[in-house]
Amino acid sequence: ARDTAGDVGTAITTPTEYDRASAYDVAAAAAKRLSEALRSLEEYGKLHDPAVARQIEQCRYAGYELERTLLDALRQRHPHQWTICVLLTAELCIHHDWQDVVAASLDAGADMVQLREKEFDDAELLRRARWLVEACRGRATVIINDRPDIAVLADADGVHVGQGDLDVTDARRIVGPDRLIGVSTSCLDDAHAAQRDGADYCGVGPMFSSQTKSKDHLAGLDYLHAYTAWNALPHLAISGITLETLPAIIDAGGRGVAVSQAICGAASPGEVVTTMREMLSASHRVIAESEA
């Protein structure tokens, strides 16, 4: 019954109407059409049979879940198993300027740097985040701790949140579909929830007591062993990771670590990164050979 020839809408366009950069964009637009169509059918169903309208309403809710699942699968994020993440806190860099610690860590092969600063105002935090993004471009993944807004403004690769911070769903609304979200977990229930909510990797710990942050409870090596047996998301073992504790992490199946004091506070941070990376890489080779 549509009067196509007389429809003024046929001549109206919007700047983004034909702007589709990826399959994600196509699926997102189609999902909105699905929602609109089901809503219309639901409303008309109320005239015909309220029971039918309720059934269509349930279809619409199912469509929302389908949309979330499909879009999550189409996101252009590229999580992988990192080896060394430097948890960068300037006050821990007692032998070198924090920027020099970053440079030495990158030269030694660190493949992630997480900016973890609690004391700076927003302007200074953003300035440091932007510097870090430029320094690591093409060399390492940059993650901002706790602050999805700063991650977006600095064009970082992602954000890391704890159990008491924004949940993954809310953080995703800020950082968008293509940035990484990491979640701190202390048990498999936390890890399962993180995966279900669309997280890209998990911090696994705390492993050991740490000088940088007091811990009421240590998840310990048993949790790391259980996590690596599950192995659904990349992981970074965290808390108290040093050259002395790293062998226990490796024995429990750990393939990536997040390190703060042992690198930032080292007289030779690059040497620490190199040694840790070599220890983990040797473990990776043994695992690969045994699986082959």
Protein backbone atom coordinates (compact mmCIF):
# COMPACT_ATOMS: atom_id res chain seq x y z
CA ALA A 1 0.00 0.00 0.00
CA ARG A 2 3.00 2.30 0.09
CA ASP A 3 2.87 5.24 -2.32
CA THR A 4 6.50 5.05 -3.41
CA ALA A 5 6.14 7.65 -6.18
CA GLY A 6 4.63 10.17 -3.78
CA ASP A 7 6.75 9.31 -0.75
CA VAL A 8 8.92 12.31 0.13
CA GLY A 9 11.21 9.98 2.07
CA THR A 10 12.61 8.48 -1.10
CA ALA A 11 14.51 11.70 -1.76
CA ILE A 12 15.79 12.17 1.79
CA THR A 13 19.23 10.89 2.77
CA THR A 14 21.47 11.27 5.82
CA PRO A 15 25.27 11.65 5.86
CA THR A 16 25.73 8.17 7.38
CA GLU A 17 23.00 6.31 5.50
CA TYR A 18 25.46 4.61 3.15
CA ASP A 19 28.43 4.67 5.52
CA ARG A 20 29.19 1.04 6.35
CA ALA A 21 32.84 0.35 7.13
CA SER A 22 32.51 -3.28 8.19
CA ALA A 23 30.24 -6.27 8.70
CA TYR A 24 29.82 -4.99 12.26
CA ASP A 25 28.21 -1.79 10.96
CA VAL A 26 25.88 -3.77 8.68
CA ALA A 27 24.82 -6.09 11.51
CA ALA A 28 24.26 -3.17 13.89
CA ALA A 29 22.02 -1.38 11.37
CA ALA A 30 20.12 -4.59 10.59
CA ALA A 31 19.58 -5.28 14.28
CA LYS A 32 17.92 -1.89 14.71
CA ARG A 33 15.62 -2.70 11.75
CA LEU A 34 14.74 -6.04 13.37
CA SER A 35 13.84 -4.30 16.62
CA GLU A 36 11.67 -1.75 14.82
CA ALA A 37 9.87 -4.45 12.81
CA LEU A 38 9.14 -6.62 15.82
CA ARG A 39 7.89 -3.62 17.77
CA SER A 40 5.45 -2.78 14.96
CA LEU A 41 4.22 -6.38 14.78
CA GLU A 42 3.84 -6.48 18.54
CA GLU A 43 1.70 -3.33 18.57
CA TYR A 44 -0.55 -4.58 15.79
CA GLY A 45 -0.78 -7.94 17.50
CA LYS A 46 -2.47 -6.25 20.44
CA LEU A 47 -5.44 -5.53 18.17
CA HIS A 48 -5.60 -9.12 16.99
CA ASP A 49 -4.69 -11.24 20.01
CA PRO A 50 -2.82 -10.11 23.14
CA ALA A 51 -1.28 -13.60 23.42
CA VAL A 52 0.28 -13.20 19.99
CA ALA A 53 1.55 -9.75 20.97
CA ARG A 54 3.24 -11.23 24.04
CA GLN A 55 4.90 -13.90 21.90
CA ILE A 56 6.24 -11.27 19.52
CA GLU A 57 7.45 -9.25 22.52
CA GLN A 58 9.48 -12.28 23.62
CA CYS A 59 10.90 -12.51 20.09
CA ARG A 60 11.96 -8.88 20.36
CA TYR A 61 13.79 -9.56 23.64
CA ALA A 62 15.44 -12.60 22.07
CA GLY A 63 16.50 -10.33 19.22
CA TYR A 64 18.32 -8.06 21.67
CA GLU A 65 20.33 -11.01 22.97
CA LEU A 66 21.04 -12.17 19.42
CA GLU A 67 22.21 -8.66 18.54
CA ARG A 68 24.64 -8.58 21.46
CA THR A 69 26.04 -12.03 20.65
CA LEU A 70 26.42 -11.29 16.94
CA LEU A 71 28.01 -7.88 17.40
CA ASP A 72 30.43 -9.22 19.98
CA ALA A 73 31.54 -11.88 17.48
CA LEU A 74 32.04 -9.25 14.75
CA ARG A 75 34.05 -6.76 16.76
CA GLN A 76 37.43 -5.89 15.33
CA ARG A 77 39.38 -6.44 18.53
CA HIS A 78 42.39 -8.72 18.44
CA PRO A 79 43.07 -10.13 21.90
CA HIS A 80 45.94 -12.58 22.11
CA GLN A 81 48.11 -14.07 24.80
CA TRP A 82 50.50 -11.35 25.93
CA THR A 83 53.73 -12.23 27.69
CA ILE A 84 54.88 -9.21 29.71
CA CYS A 85 52.59 -6.38 30.80
CA VAL A 86 54.32 -3.52 32.59
CA LEU A 87 52.03 -1.99 35.23
CA LEU A 88 53.32 1.55 35.01
CA THR A 89 53.20 3.69 38.15
CA ALA A 90 55.55 6.66 38.18
CA GLU A 91 56.20 6.73 41.92
CA LEU A 92 57.60 3.20 41.74
CA CYS A 93 60.22 4.27 39.17
CA ILE A 94 62.88 5.08 41.75
CA HIS A 95 65.97 4.64 39.57
CA HIS A 96 64.74 6.12 36.28
CA ASP A 97 62.15 8.52 34.94
CA TRP A 98 58.91 6.67 34.10
CA GLN A 99 59.35 7.45 30.41
CA ASP A 100 62.79 5.84 30.44
CA VAL A 101 61.31 2.76 32.12
CA VAL A 102 58.78 2.54 29.29
CA ALA A 103 61.49 2.89 26.64
CA ALA A 104 63.70 0.23 28.24
CA SER A 105 60.77 -2.15 28.66
CA LEU A 106 59.70 -1.78 25.03
CA ASP A 107 63.25 -2.31 23.79
CA ALA A 108 63.40 -5.50 25.86
CA GLY A 109 60.18 -6.87 24.38
CA ALA A 110 57.34 -5.98 26.74
CA ASP A 111 54.16 -6.40 24.68
CA MET A 112 51.69 -4.53 26.90
CA VAL A 113 51.91 -1.43 29.11
CA GLN A 114 49.10 -0.59 31.49
CA LEU A 115 48.98 2.96 32.84
CA ARG A 116 48.03 2.59 36.49
CA GLU A 117 47.99 5.98 38.21
CA LYS A 118 45.55 6.80 41.01
CA GLU A 119 46.78 10.19 42.16
CA PHE A 120 46.91 12.40 39.05
CA ASP A 121 44.17 14.79 38.02
CA ASP A 122 42.39 14.05 34.76
CA ALA A 123 44.41 16.49 32.65
CA GLU A 124 47.76 15.01 33.71
CA LEU A 125 46.48 11.45 33.40
CA LEU A 126 45.32 12.14 29.84
CA ARG A 127 48.63 13.81 28.95
CA ARG A 128 50.57 10.76 30.14
CA ALA A 129 48.18 8.37 28.43
CA ARG A 130 48.62 10.17 25.11
CA TRP A 131 52.39 10.11 25.46
CA LEU A 132 52.27 6.40 26.22
CA VAL A 133 50.08 5.64 23.20
CA GLU A 134 52.54 7.39 20.89
CA ALA A 135 55.56 5.71 22.51
CA CYS A 136 54.03 2.24 22.16
CA ARG A 137 52.45 2.62 18.75
CA GLY A 138 53.23 -0.46 16.68
CA ARG A 139 55.25 -1.98 19.51
CA ALA A 140 52.96 -2.81 22.44
CA THR A 141 49.34 -2.76 23.53
CA VAL A 142 48.38 0.21 25.74
CA ILE A 143 45.75 -0.27 28.44
CA ILE A 144 44.43 2.39 30.82
CA ASN A 145 43.54 1.24 34.30
CA ASP A 146 40.02 2.01 35.59
CA ARG A 147 39.29 4.88 33.17
CA PRO A 148 37.44 4.02 29.95
CA ASP A 149 36.97 7.72 29.21
CA ILE A 150 40.72 8.38 29.29
CA ALA A 151 41.30 5.28 27.14
CA VAL A 152 39.02 6.71 24.45
CA LEU A 153 40.42 10.25 24.59
CA ALA A 154 44.00 8.99 24.42
CA ASP A 155 43.17 6.47 21.66
CA ALA A 156 44.54 3.65 23.81
CA ASP A 157 43.95 0.01 22.90
CA GLY A 158 41.69 -0.60 25.85
CA VAL A 159 40.84 -0.36 29.52
CA HIS A 160 41.23 -2.64 32.54
CA VAL A 161 38.55 -2.73 35.23
CA GLY A 162 38.37 -4.36 38.63
CA GLN A 163 35.46 -6.09 40.30
CA GLY A 164 34.47 -2.83 42.03
CA ASP A 165 34.79 -0.63 38.94
CA LEU A 166 32.42 -0.23 35.99
CA ASP A 167 31.24 -3.59 34.73
CA VAL A 168 32.15 -4.76 31.25
CA THR A 169 28.79 -3.82 29.73
CA ASP A 170 28.98 -0.22 30.96
CA ALA A 171 32.65 0.10 30.05
CA ARG A 172 31.84 -1.19 26.56
CA ARG A 173 29.30 1.60 26.09
CA ILE A 174 32.13 4.08 26.62
CA VAL A 175 35.05 2.47 24.79
CA GLY A 176 33.01 1.07 21.90
CA PRO A 177 33.19 -2.28 20.15
CA ASP A 178 36.80 -2.27 18.98
CA ARG A 179 38.78 -1.55 22.16
CA LEU A 180 39.92 -4.23 24.56
CA ILE A 181 38.48 -4.67 28.03
CA GLY A 182 40.38 -6.59 30.69
CA VAL A 183 38.87 -7.64 34.00
CA SER A 184 40.50 -8.50 37.32
CA THR A 185 39.34 -11.92 38.51
CA SER A 186 40.04 -13.93 41.65
CA CYS A 187 38.03 -17.08 40.93
CA LEU A 188 36.57 -18.97 37.99
CA ASP A 189 33.10 -17.53 38.65
CA ASP A 190 34.59 -14.06 38.03
CA ALA A 191 36.27 -15.33 34.87
CA HIS A 192 33.09 -16.94 33.54
CA ALA A 193 31.18 -13.71 34.17
CA ALA A 194 33.88 -11.68 32.42
CA GLN A 195 33.70 -13.92 29.35
CA ARG A 196 29.89 -13.84 29.34
CA ASP A 197 29.89 -10.04 29.50
CA GLY A 198 32.30 -9.71 26.58
CA ALA A 199 35.71 -9.16 28.24
CA ASP A 200 38.79 -9.78 26.11
CA TYR A 201 41.26 -10.97 28.76
CA CYS A 202 41.46 -11.53 32.50
CA GLY A 203 43.86 -10.46 35.20
CA VAL A 204 44.29 -13.59 37.32
CA GLY A 205 45.14 -13.11 40.97
CA PRO A 206 46.26 -11.91 43.32
CA MET A 207 49.00 -14.52 43.11
CA PHE A 208 51.29 -13.39 45.92
CA SER A 209 51.43 -10.62 48.49
CA SER A 210 52.60 -7.35 47.01
CA GLN A 211 54.31 -4.20 48.25
CA THR A 212 52.27 -2.00 45.92
CA LYS A 213 48.76 -2.97 46.98
CA SER A 214 47.47 -4.69 50.11
CA LYS A 215 45.46 -7.86 49.53
CA ASP A 216 42.78 -9.23 51.84
CA HIS A 217 42.77 -12.56 50.01
CA LEU A 218 45.21 -14.34 47.74
CA ALA A 219 43.69 -16.37 44.95
CA GLY A 220 47.05 -18.06 44.56
CA LEU A 221 48.50 -20.62 42.23
CA ASP A 222 45.55 -22.99 42.53
CA TYR A 223 43.36 -20.44 40.79
CA LEU A 224 45.94 -19.86 38.06
CA HIS A 225 46.15 -23.59 37.45
CA ALA A 226 42.33 -23.83 37.22
CA TYR A 227 42.20 -20.79 34.93
CA THR A 228 44.79 -22.11 32.48
CA ALA A 229 42.95 -25.43 32.37
CA TRP A 230 39.79 -23.48 31.41
CA ASN A 231 41.80 -21.23 29.05
CA ALA A 232 38.85 -19.48 27.39
CA LEU A 233 40.40 -15.99 27.49
CA PRO A 234 43.98 -14.70 27.48
CA HIS A 235 45.33 -14.13 30.97
CA LEU A 236 47.86 -12.09 32.90
CA ALA A 237 48.86 -13.41 36.31
CA ILE A 238 49.16 -10.47 38.68
CA SER A 239 50.46 -9.43 42.09
CA GLY A 240 53.88 -10.08 43.55
CA ILE A 241 55.37 -11.25 40.24
CA THR A 242 59.17 -11.17 40.45
CA LEU A 243 62.06 -13.11 38.98
CA GLU A 244 61.91 -15.29 42.09
CA THR A 245 58.15 -16.03 41.92
CA LEU A 246 57.92 -16.39 38.13
CA PRO A 247 58.97 -20.08 38.05
CA ALA A 248 55.96 -20.96 40.24
CA ILE A 249 53.71 -19.03 37.83
CA ILE A 250 55.14 -20.98 34.91
CA ASP A 251 54.73 -24.31 36.73
CA ALA A 252 51.04 -23.46 37.29
CA GLY A 253 50.57 -22.93 33.54
CA GLY A 254 50.92 -19.15 33.43
CA ARG A 255 51.84 -17.78 30.04
CA GLY A 256 51.58 -14.03 30.68
CA VAL A 257 52.28 -11.80 33.67
CA ALA A 258 51.53 -8.25 34.75
CA VAL A 259 54.49 -6.82 36.64
CA SER A 260 54.78 -3.60 38.60
CA GLN A 261 57.47 -3.15 41.27
CA ALA A 262 59.90 -5.70 39.86
CA ILE A 263 60.19 -3.74 36.61
CA CYS A 264 59.37 -0.12 37.52
CA GLY A 265 61.62 -0.20 40.60
CA ALA A 266 64.50 -2.07 38.99
CA ALA A 267 67.91 -0.53 38.42
CA SER A 268 67.86 -2.22 34.99
CA PRO A 269 64.19 -2.61 34.00
CA GLY A 270 65.08 -3.81 30.51
CA GLU A 271 67.14 -6.69 31.90
CA VAL A 272 64.22 -7.79 34.10
CA VAL A 273 61.84 -7.74 31.13
CA THR A 274 64.30 -9.69 28.98
CA THR A 275 64.86 -12.36 31.62
CA MET A 276 61.15 -12.77 32.32
CA ARG A 277 60.32 -12.92 28.63
CA GLU A 278 62.98 -15.57 28.02
CA MET A 279 61.72 -17.67 30.93
CA LEU A 280 58.14 -17.51 29.67
CA SER A 281 59.15 -18.09 26.04
CA ALA A 282 61.12 -21.20 27.00
CA SER A 283 58.03 -22.50 28.79
CA HIS A 284 55.90 -21.76 25.71
CA ARG A 285 58.28 -23.76 23.53
CA VAL A 286 58.14 -26.75 25.86
CA ILE A 287 54.33 -26.65 25.87
CA ALA A 288 54.18 -26.38 22.07
CA GLU A 289 56.58 -29.30 21.64
CA SER A 290 54.61 -31.47 24.06
CA GLU A 291 51.33 -30.67 22.29
CA ALA A 292 52.90 -31.48 18.90
